[in-house]
Amino acid sequence: MINETCTGEARFGGPFLFMKFAIVVSSAPHSPSSRRALRFAEAVLSAHHEITRLFFYQDGVHNASLSIVTPQDEQDWAGQWGLFIQQNKLDSVVCISAALRRGILSSEEAHRHGRQSANLYEPWQLSGLGQLHEAAQEADRLICFGDI
């Protein structure tokens, strides 16, 4: 359902529909769908819409890992995601089950599981699938990038 709050005039003189998006990223940082997700998220904000939540699931949780080292001749997509999230103060959640399965830990989870160090990048937070459900309920559109 489209939120019909008018926030201005569209380019052709009609009302501008403000939309809320929830975005799911389920592919690794170096994959084309993760890059498309980042570009889509940038376009959403550029068009003055809102992102209610970014949810990283399955291999998408690798975007939140501090352990990824990108070769100098390649784009650091995980770093770009982190910068984008920080600059825009976005709510970004990493599925805790998918993260633990792939060795991505917050300091709390590292302590809980007896690991020496955490590797979750700061702008992200670990949480469950309930956060995805909540985001889908709040958003006008749920957009998924990658295999689900």
N, C-alpha and C. Protein backbone atom coordinates (compact mmCIF):
# COMPACT_ATOMS: atom_id res chain seq x y z
N MET A 1 0.84 -1.18 0.00
CA MET A 1 0.00 0.00 0.00
C MET A 1 0.88 1.24 0.00
N ILE A 2 0.57 2.18 -0.83
CA ILE A 2 1.37 3.40 -0.94
C ILE A 2 0.93 4.41 0.12
N ASN A 3 1.91 4.96 0.82
CA ASN A 3 1.64 6.02 1.77
C ASN A 3 1.33 7.27 0.95
N GLU A 4 0.15 7.83 1.12
CA GLU A 4 -0.29 8.92 0.26
C GLU A 4 0.00 10.30 0.82
N THR A 5 0.99 10.41 1.68
CA THR A 5 1.36 11.71 2.21
C THR A 5 2.08 12.50 1.13
N CYS A 6 1.56 13.64 0.79
CA CYS A 6 2.20 14.49 -0.22
C CYS A 6 3.28 15.32 0.46
N THR A 7 4.47 15.27 -0.09
CA THR A 7 5.57 16.04 0.49
C THR A 7 6.09 17.09 -0.47
N GLY A 8 5.41 17.31 -1.56
CA GLY A 8 5.87 18.30 -2.52
C GLY A 8 5.23 18.06 -3.87
N GLU A 9 5.71 18.76 -4.86
CA GLU A 9 5.19 18.62 -6.21
C GLU A 9 6.15 17.81 -7.06
N ALA A 10 5.61 16.91 -7.81
CA ALA A 10 6.42 16.12 -8.73
C ALA A 10 6.90 16.99 -9.88
N ARG A 11 7.79 16.47 -10.67
CA ARG A 11 8.37 17.21 -11.78
C ARG A 11 7.31 17.73 -12.74
N PHE A 12 6.21 17.02 -12.88
CA PHE A 12 5.18 17.41 -13.85
C PHE A 12 3.99 18.12 -13.19
N GLY A 13 4.18 18.61 -11.97
CA GLY A 13 3.16 19.42 -11.34
C GLY A 13 2.17 18.65 -10.48
N GLY A 14 2.24 17.34 -10.47
CA GLY A 14 1.32 16.54 -9.66
C GLY A 14 1.90 16.27 -8.28
N PRO A 15 1.12 15.64 -7.43
CA PRO A 15 1.61 15.35 -6.07
C PRO A 15 2.73 14.32 -6.09
N PHE A 16 3.65 14.48 -5.18
CA PHE A 16 4.78 13.56 -5.02
C PHE A 16 4.41 12.57 -3.93
N LEU A 17 4.46 11.29 -4.23
CA LEU A 17 4.15 10.27 -3.24
C LEU A 17 5.42 9.85 -2.51
N PHE A 18 5.43 10.09 -1.24
CA PHE A 18 6.54 9.70 -0.38
C PHE A 18 6.41 8.22 -0.10
N MET A 19 7.45 7.45 -0.35
CA MET A 19 7.38 6.01 -0.12
C MET A 19 8.44 5.56 0.87
N LYS A 20 8.08 4.54 1.62
CA LYS A 20 9.00 3.91 2.57
C LYS A 20 9.41 2.55 2.00
N PHE A 21 10.73 2.32 1.99
CA PHE A 21 11.27 1.07 1.46
C PHE A 21 11.98 0.30 2.56
N ALA A 22 11.79 -1.01 2.57
CA ALA A 22 12.62 -1.93 3.34
C ALA A 22 13.41 -2.71 2.30
N ILE A 23 14.71 -2.84 2.52
CA ILE A 23 15.58 -3.48 1.53
C ILE A 23 16.28 -4.67 2.16
N VAL A 24 16.20 -5.81 1.47
CA VAL A 24 16.88 -7.04 1.91
C VAL A 24 18.04 -7.32 0.97
N VAL A 25 19.22 -7.53 1.54
CA VAL A 25 20.41 -7.88 0.75
C VAL A 25 20.84 -9.27 1.21
N SER A 26 20.81 -10.23 0.28
CA SER A 26 21.17 -11.60 0.66
C SER A 26 22.33 -12.15 -0.17
N SER A 27 23.14 -11.27 -0.70
CA SER A 27 24.29 -11.71 -1.49
C SER A 27 25.56 -11.04 -0.98
N ALA A 28 26.68 -11.68 -1.23
CA ALA A 28 27.99 -11.22 -0.74
C ALA A 28 28.35 -9.86 -1.34
N PRO A 29 29.26 -9.13 -0.68
CA PRO A 29 29.60 -7.77 -1.12
C PRO A 29 30.10 -7.67 -2.56
N HIS A 30 30.81 -8.67 -3.03
CA HIS A 30 31.38 -8.60 -4.38
C HIS A 30 30.40 -9.02 -5.47
N SER A 31 29.19 -9.40 -5.11
CA SER A 31 28.22 -9.87 -6.11
C SER A 31 27.50 -8.69 -6.77
N PRO A 32 27.06 -8.87 -8.01
CA PRO A 32 26.33 -7.80 -8.70
C PRO A 32 25.06 -7.37 -7.97
N SER A 33 24.36 -8.30 -7.35
CA SER A 33 23.10 -7.90 -6.70
C SER A 33 23.35 -7.04 -5.46
N SER A 34 24.44 -7.26 -4.76
CA SER A 34 24.77 -6.41 -3.61
C SER A 34 25.10 -5.00 -4.08
N ARG A 35 25.83 -4.91 -5.18
CA ARG A 35 26.15 -3.59 -5.75
C ARG A 35 24.89 -2.89 -6.23
N ARG A 36 24.00 -3.63 -6.87
CA ARG A 36 22.73 -3.03 -7.33
C ARG A 36 21.89 -2.56 -6.15
N ALA A 37 21.92 -3.33 -5.06
CA ALA A 37 21.17 -2.95 -3.86
C ALA A 37 21.68 -1.62 -3.31
N LEU A 38 22.99 -1.45 -3.27
CA LEU A 38 23.56 -0.20 -2.79
C LEU A 38 23.16 0.96 -3.69
N ARG A 39 23.26 0.79 -4.98
CA ARG A 39 22.88 1.85 -5.92
C ARG A 39 21.38 2.16 -5.81
N PHE A 40 20.56 1.14 -5.63
CA PHE A 40 19.12 1.35 -5.46
C PHE A 40 18.87 2.15 -4.18
N ALA A 41 19.51 1.77 -3.09
CA ALA A 41 19.33 2.48 -1.81
C ALA A 41 19.73 3.95 -1.94
N GLU A 42 20.83 4.20 -2.64
CA GLU A 42 21.25 5.58 -2.87
C GLU A 42 20.20 6.35 -3.68
N ALA A 43 19.63 5.70 -4.68
CA ALA A 43 18.60 6.33 -5.51
C ALA A 43 17.33 6.61 -4.71
N VAL A 44 16.97 5.70 -3.81
CA VAL A 44 15.79 5.91 -2.96
C VAL A 44 15.94 7.19 -2.15
N LEU A 45 17.09 7.35 -1.51
CA LEU A 45 17.30 8.55 -0.70
C LEU A 45 17.44 9.81 -1.55
N SER A 46 18.05 9.67 -2.72
CA SER A 46 18.18 10.82 -3.63
C SER A 46 16.83 11.32 -4.11
N ALA A 47 15.87 10.41 -4.20
CA ALA A 47 14.52 10.77 -4.64
C ALA A 47 13.65 11.21 -3.45
N HIS A 48 14.27 11.39 -2.29
CA HIS A 48 13.59 11.89 -1.08
C HIS A 48 12.57 10.91 -0.53
N HIS A 49 12.80 9.62 -0.75
CA HIS A 49 12.00 8.59 -0.10
C HIS A 49 12.73 8.17 1.17
N GLU A 50 12.18 7.20 1.87
CA GLU A 50 12.75 6.76 3.14
C GLU A 50 13.09 5.27 3.08
N ILE A 51 14.17 4.91 3.73
CA ILE A 51 14.50 3.49 3.92
C ILE A 51 14.22 3.18 5.38
N THR A 52 13.20 2.35 5.62
CA THR A 52 12.84 2.02 7.00
C THR A 52 13.86 1.11 7.64
N ARG A 53 14.42 0.19 6.85
CA ARG A 53 15.45 -0.70 7.38
C ARG A 53 16.17 -1.40 6.23
N LEU A 54 17.45 -1.60 6.43
CA LEU A 54 18.25 -2.47 5.56
C LEU A 54 18.43 -3.77 6.33
N PHE A 55 18.11 -4.88 5.71
CA PHE A 55 18.24 -6.18 6.38
C PHE A 55 19.18 -7.05 5.56
N PHE A 56 20.27 -7.48 6.18
CA PHE A 56 21.27 -8.31 5.51
C PHE A 56 21.09 -9.75 5.96
N TYR A 57 20.91 -10.64 4.98
CA TYR A 57 20.51 -12.01 5.24
C TYR A 57 21.37 -12.96 4.41
N GLN A 58 21.46 -14.21 4.80
CA GLN A 58 22.25 -15.23 4.11
C GLN A 58 23.66 -14.69 3.84
N ASP A 59 24.18 -14.82 2.62
CA ASP A 59 25.54 -14.33 2.34
C ASP A 59 25.65 -12.81 2.38
N GLY A 60 24.54 -12.12 2.43
CA GLY A 60 24.55 -10.67 2.55
C GLY A 60 25.16 -10.19 3.86
N VAL A 61 25.20 -11.08 4.87
CA VAL A 61 25.79 -10.69 6.15
C VAL A 61 27.28 -10.39 6.03
N HIS A 62 27.93 -10.91 5.00
CA HIS A 62 29.36 -10.62 4.80
C HIS A 62 29.61 -9.14 4.54
N ASN A 63 28.61 -8.40 4.11
CA ASN A 63 28.76 -6.95 3.93
C ASN A 63 29.09 -6.27 5.25
N ALA A 64 28.72 -6.87 6.37
CA ALA A 64 28.91 -6.28 7.69
C ALA A 64 30.16 -6.78 8.40
N SER A 65 31.00 -7.52 7.71
CA SER A 65 32.17 -8.12 8.34
C SER A 65 33.40 -7.22 8.23
N LEU A 66 34.06 -7.03 9.36
CA LEU A 66 35.33 -6.29 9.37
C LEU A 66 36.48 -7.15 8.84
N SER A 67 36.23 -8.44 8.65
CA SER A 67 37.29 -9.36 8.22
C SER A 67 37.54 -9.33 6.73
N ILE A 68 36.68 -8.68 5.98
CA ILE A 68 36.85 -8.64 4.53
C ILE A 68 37.94 -7.63 4.17
N VAL A 69 38.90 -8.10 3.39
CA VAL A 69 39.95 -7.22 2.88
C VAL A 69 39.83 -7.22 1.36
N THR A 70 39.57 -6.06 0.81
CA THR A 70 39.39 -5.93 -0.64
C THR A 70 40.72 -5.58 -1.30
N PRO A 71 41.09 -6.29 -2.36
CA PRO A 71 42.32 -5.93 -3.09
C PRO A 71 42.27 -4.47 -3.55
N GLN A 72 43.44 -3.85 -3.65
CA GLN A 72 43.52 -2.44 -3.98
C GLN A 72 42.94 -2.09 -5.34
N ASP A 73 42.93 -3.03 -6.26
CA ASP A 73 42.43 -2.74 -7.60
C ASP A 73 40.94 -3.04 -7.76
N GLU A 74 40.25 -3.30 -6.64
CA GLU A 74 38.81 -3.59 -6.68
C GLU A 74 38.05 -2.60 -5.80
N GLN A 75 36.77 -2.46 -6.08
CA GLN A 75 35.89 -1.62 -5.27
C GLN A 75 35.64 -2.29 -3.92
N ASP A 76 35.69 -1.52 -2.84
CA ASP A 76 35.38 -2.02 -1.51
C ASP A 76 33.89 -1.83 -1.25
N TRP A 77 33.09 -2.77 -1.73
CA TRP A 77 31.64 -2.62 -1.63
C TRP A 77 31.15 -2.71 -0.19
N ALA A 78 31.75 -3.58 0.62
CA ALA A 78 31.36 -3.66 2.03
C ALA A 78 31.65 -2.34 2.73
N GLY A 79 32.81 -1.76 2.44
CA GLY A 79 33.15 -0.45 3.01
C GLY A 79 32.20 0.64 2.54
N GLN A 80 31.80 0.58 1.27
CA GLN A 80 30.85 1.56 0.75
C GLN A 80 29.49 1.42 1.43
N TRP A 81 29.07 0.18 1.68
CA TRP A 81 27.81 -0.03 2.42
C TRP A 81 27.92 0.62 3.80
N GLY A 82 29.01 0.33 4.51
CA GLY A 82 29.19 0.89 5.85
C GLY A 82 29.17 2.40 5.86
N LEU A 83 29.87 3.01 4.92
CA LEU A 83 29.90 4.46 4.82
C LEU A 83 28.52 5.03 4.51
N PHE A 84 27.81 4.40 3.58
CA PHE A 84 26.46 4.83 3.21
C PHE A 84 25.52 4.77 4.42
N ILE A 85 25.61 3.70 5.18
CA ILE A 85 24.76 3.53 6.36
C ILE A 85 25.08 4.59 7.41
N GLN A 86 26.37 4.81 7.65
CA GLN A 86 26.77 5.81 8.64
C GLN A 86 26.38 7.22 8.23
N GLN A 87 26.65 7.58 6.98
CA GLN A 87 26.36 8.93 6.51
C GLN A 87 24.87 9.25 6.56
N ASN A 88 24.04 8.25 6.30
CA ASN A 88 22.59 8.48 6.24
C ASN A 88 21.87 8.04 7.50
N LYS A 89 22.63 7.59 8.50
CA LYS A 89 22.08 7.18 9.79
C LYS A 89 20.92 6.19 9.61
N LEU A 90 21.18 5.13 8.84
CA LEU A 90 20.15 4.15 8.52
C LEU A 90 20.12 3.01 9.53
N ASP A 91 18.95 2.47 9.72
CA ASP A 91 18.76 1.29 10.54
C ASP A 91 19.17 0.08 9.70
N SER A 92 20.26 -0.55 10.08
CA SER A 92 20.76 -1.68 9.30
C SER A 92 20.96 -2.88 10.22
N VAL A 93 20.31 -3.96 9.86
CA VAL A 93 20.27 -5.16 10.69
C VAL A 93 20.87 -6.33 9.94
N VAL A 94 21.66 -7.12 10.65
CA VAL A 94 22.23 -8.35 10.12
C VAL A 94 21.52 -9.50 10.82
N CYS A 95 21.03 -10.46 10.06
CA CYS A 95 20.37 -11.63 10.63
C CYS A 95 21.36 -12.37 11.53
N ILE A 96 21.01 -12.51 12.79
CA ILE A 96 21.94 -13.09 13.75
C ILE A 96 22.25 -14.55 13.44
N SER A 97 21.27 -15.33 13.02
CA SER A 97 21.53 -16.74 12.70
C SER A 97 22.47 -16.87 11.51
N ALA A 98 22.21 -16.11 10.46
CA ALA A 98 23.07 -16.15 9.27
C ALA A 98 24.47 -15.66 9.61
N ALA A 99 24.57 -14.64 10.45
CA ALA A 99 25.87 -14.09 10.83
C ALA A 99 26.68 -15.10 11.64
N LEU A 100 26.06 -15.69 12.65
CA LEU A 100 26.78 -16.66 13.47
C LEU A 100 27.24 -17.85 12.64
N ARG A 101 26.38 -18.30 11.75
CA ARG A 101 26.71 -19.43 10.87
C ARG A 101 27.93 -19.12 10.00
N ARG A 102 28.13 -17.84 9.70
CA ARG A 102 29.23 -17.43 8.82
C ARG A 102 30.39 -16.78 9.60
N GLY A 103 30.34 -16.89 10.93
CA GLY A 103 31.45 -16.41 11.76
C GLY A 103 31.50 -14.92 11.97
N ILE A 104 30.38 -14.24 11.82
CA ILE A 104 30.34 -12.79 12.03
C ILE A 104 29.71 -12.54 13.41
N LEU A 105 30.50 -11.92 14.29
CA LEU A 105 30.11 -11.79 15.69
C LEU A 105 30.20 -10.34 16.17
N SER A 106 29.21 -9.93 16.94
CA SER A 106 29.30 -8.67 17.68
C SER A 106 30.15 -8.95 18.92
N SER A 107 30.52 -7.93 19.66
CA SER A 107 31.31 -8.16 20.88
C SER A 107 30.52 -8.99 21.89
N GLU A 108 29.21 -8.77 21.97
CA GLU A 108 28.38 -9.54 22.90
C GLU A 108 28.34 -11.02 22.51
N GLU A 109 28.16 -11.28 21.22
CA GLU A 109 28.10 -12.67 20.75
C GLU A 109 29.46 -13.35 20.85
N ALA A 110 30.54 -12.62 20.60
CA ALA A 110 31.88 -13.19 20.75
C ALA A 110 32.11 -13.62 22.19
N HIS A 111 31.73 -12.77 23.13
CA HIS A 111 31.86 -13.10 24.55
C HIS A 111 30.98 -14.30 24.91
N ARG A 112 29.75 -14.28 24.45
CA ARG A 112 28.80 -15.35 24.76
C ARG A 112 29.26 -16.72 24.25
N HIS A 113 29.91 -16.72 23.09
CA HIS A 113 30.34 -17.98 22.47
C HIS A 113 31.82 -18.28 22.73
N GLY A 114 32.44 -17.52 23.62
CA GLY A 114 33.82 -17.78 24.00
C GLY A 114 34.84 -17.51 22.91
N ARG A 115 34.55 -16.57 22.05
CA ARG A 115 35.49 -16.20 20.98
C ARG A 115 36.32 -15.00 21.43
N GLN A 116 37.51 -14.89 20.86
CA GLN A 116 38.45 -13.85 21.28
C GLN A 116 38.10 -12.46 20.76
N SER A 117 37.49 -12.40 19.58
CA SER A 117 37.25 -11.07 19.01
C SER A 117 35.96 -11.02 18.20
N ALA A 118 35.48 -9.81 18.06
CA ALA A 118 34.28 -9.55 17.26
C ALA A 118 34.72 -9.03 15.90
N ASN A 119 33.87 -9.19 14.90
CA ASN A 119 34.19 -8.68 13.57
C ASN A 119 32.99 -8.05 12.87
N LEU A 120 32.00 -7.63 13.65
CA LEU A 120 30.83 -6.95 13.08
C LEU A 120 31.15 -5.47 12.92
N TYR A 121 30.99 -4.95 11.72
CA TYR A 121 31.25 -3.55 11.42
C TYR A 121 30.26 -2.68 12.19
N GLU A 122 30.72 -1.59 12.74
CA GLU A 122 29.97 -0.74 13.67
C GLU A 122 28.57 -0.30 13.23
N PRO A 123 28.32 0.13 12.02
CA PRO A 123 26.96 0.64 11.78
C PRO A 123 25.88 -0.44 11.79
N TRP A 124 26.26 -1.71 11.73
CA TRP A 124 25.27 -2.78 11.72
C TRP A 124 24.99 -3.28 13.12
N GLN A 125 23.82 -3.89 13.28
CA GLN A 125 23.48 -4.55 14.53
C GLN A 125 22.93 -5.94 14.22
N LEU A 126 23.19 -6.88 15.12
CA LEU A 126 22.67 -8.23 14.96
C LEU A 126 21.26 -8.30 15.54
N SER A 127 20.38 -8.97 14.84
CA SER A 127 19.02 -9.19 15.34
C SER A 127 18.39 -10.32 14.53
N GLY A 128 17.16 -10.66 14.89
CA GLY A 128 16.49 -11.79 14.26
C GLY A 128 15.58 -11.40 13.11
N LEU A 129 14.96 -12.42 12.54
CA LEU A 129 14.05 -12.22 11.41
C LEU A 129 12.83 -11.38 11.76
N GLY A 130 12.52 -11.27 13.04
CA GLY A 130 11.42 -10.41 13.46
C GLY A 130 11.61 -8.97 13.01
N GLN A 131 12.87 -8.54 12.93
CA GLN A 131 13.17 -7.19 12.45
C GLN A 131 12.82 -7.02 10.98
N LEU A 132 12.99 -8.09 10.21
CA LEU A 132 12.59 -8.05 8.80
C LEU A 132 11.08 -7.97 8.69
N HIS A 133 10.39 -8.76 9.49
CA HIS A 133 8.93 -8.73 9.47
C HIS A 133 8.41 -7.35 9.85
N GLU A 134 8.98 -6.77 10.89
CA GLU A 134 8.57 -5.42 11.31
C GLU A 134 8.81 -4.39 10.22
N ALA A 135 9.97 -4.47 9.58
CA ALA A 135 10.30 -3.53 8.50
C ALA A 135 9.33 -3.67 7.34
N ALA A 136 8.97 -4.91 7.00
CA ALA A 136 8.02 -5.15 5.91
C ALA A 136 6.65 -4.57 6.24
N GLN A 137 6.27 -4.61 7.50
CA GLN A 137 4.98 -4.05 7.92
C GLN A 137 4.98 -2.53 7.86
N GLU A 138 6.11 -1.91 8.17
CA GLU A 138 6.21 -0.45 8.19
C GLU A 138 6.39 0.14 6.80
N ALA A 139 6.96 -0.63 5.89
CA ALA A 139 7.32 -0.11 4.57
C ALA A 139 6.16 -0.21 3.59
N ASP A 140 6.23 0.63 2.57
CA ASP A 140 5.29 0.53 1.45
C ASP A 140 5.75 -0.54 0.47
N ARG A 141 7.07 -0.73 0.39
CA ARG A 141 7.65 -1.71 -0.54
C ARG A 141 8.79 -2.46 0.15
N LEU A 142 8.81 -3.77 -0.04
CA LEU A 142 9.92 -4.61 0.39
C LEU A 142 10.65 -5.04 -0.87
N ILE A 143 11.90 -4.64 -0.99
CA ILE A 143 12.70 -4.93 -2.18
C ILE A 143 13.83 -5.87 -1.77
N CYS A 144 13.96 -6.99 -2.49
CA CYS A 144 14.97 -8.00 -2.17
C CYS A 144 16.01 -8.10 -3.27
N PHE A 145 17.27 -8.15 -2.88
CA PHE A 145 18.39 -8.31 -3.81
C PHE A 145 19.15 -9.57 -3.44
N GLY A 146 19.30 -10.48 -4.40
CA GLY A 146 20.00 -11.73 -4.17
C GLY A 146 19.01 -12.88 -4.07
N ASP A 147 19.54 -14.06 -3.82
CA ASP A 147 18.70 -15.27 -3.73
C ASP A 147 18.09 -15.37 -2.34
N ILE A 148 16.79 -15.58 -2.30
CA ILE A 148 16.11 -15.79 -1.01
C ILE A 148 15.28 -17.04 -1.12
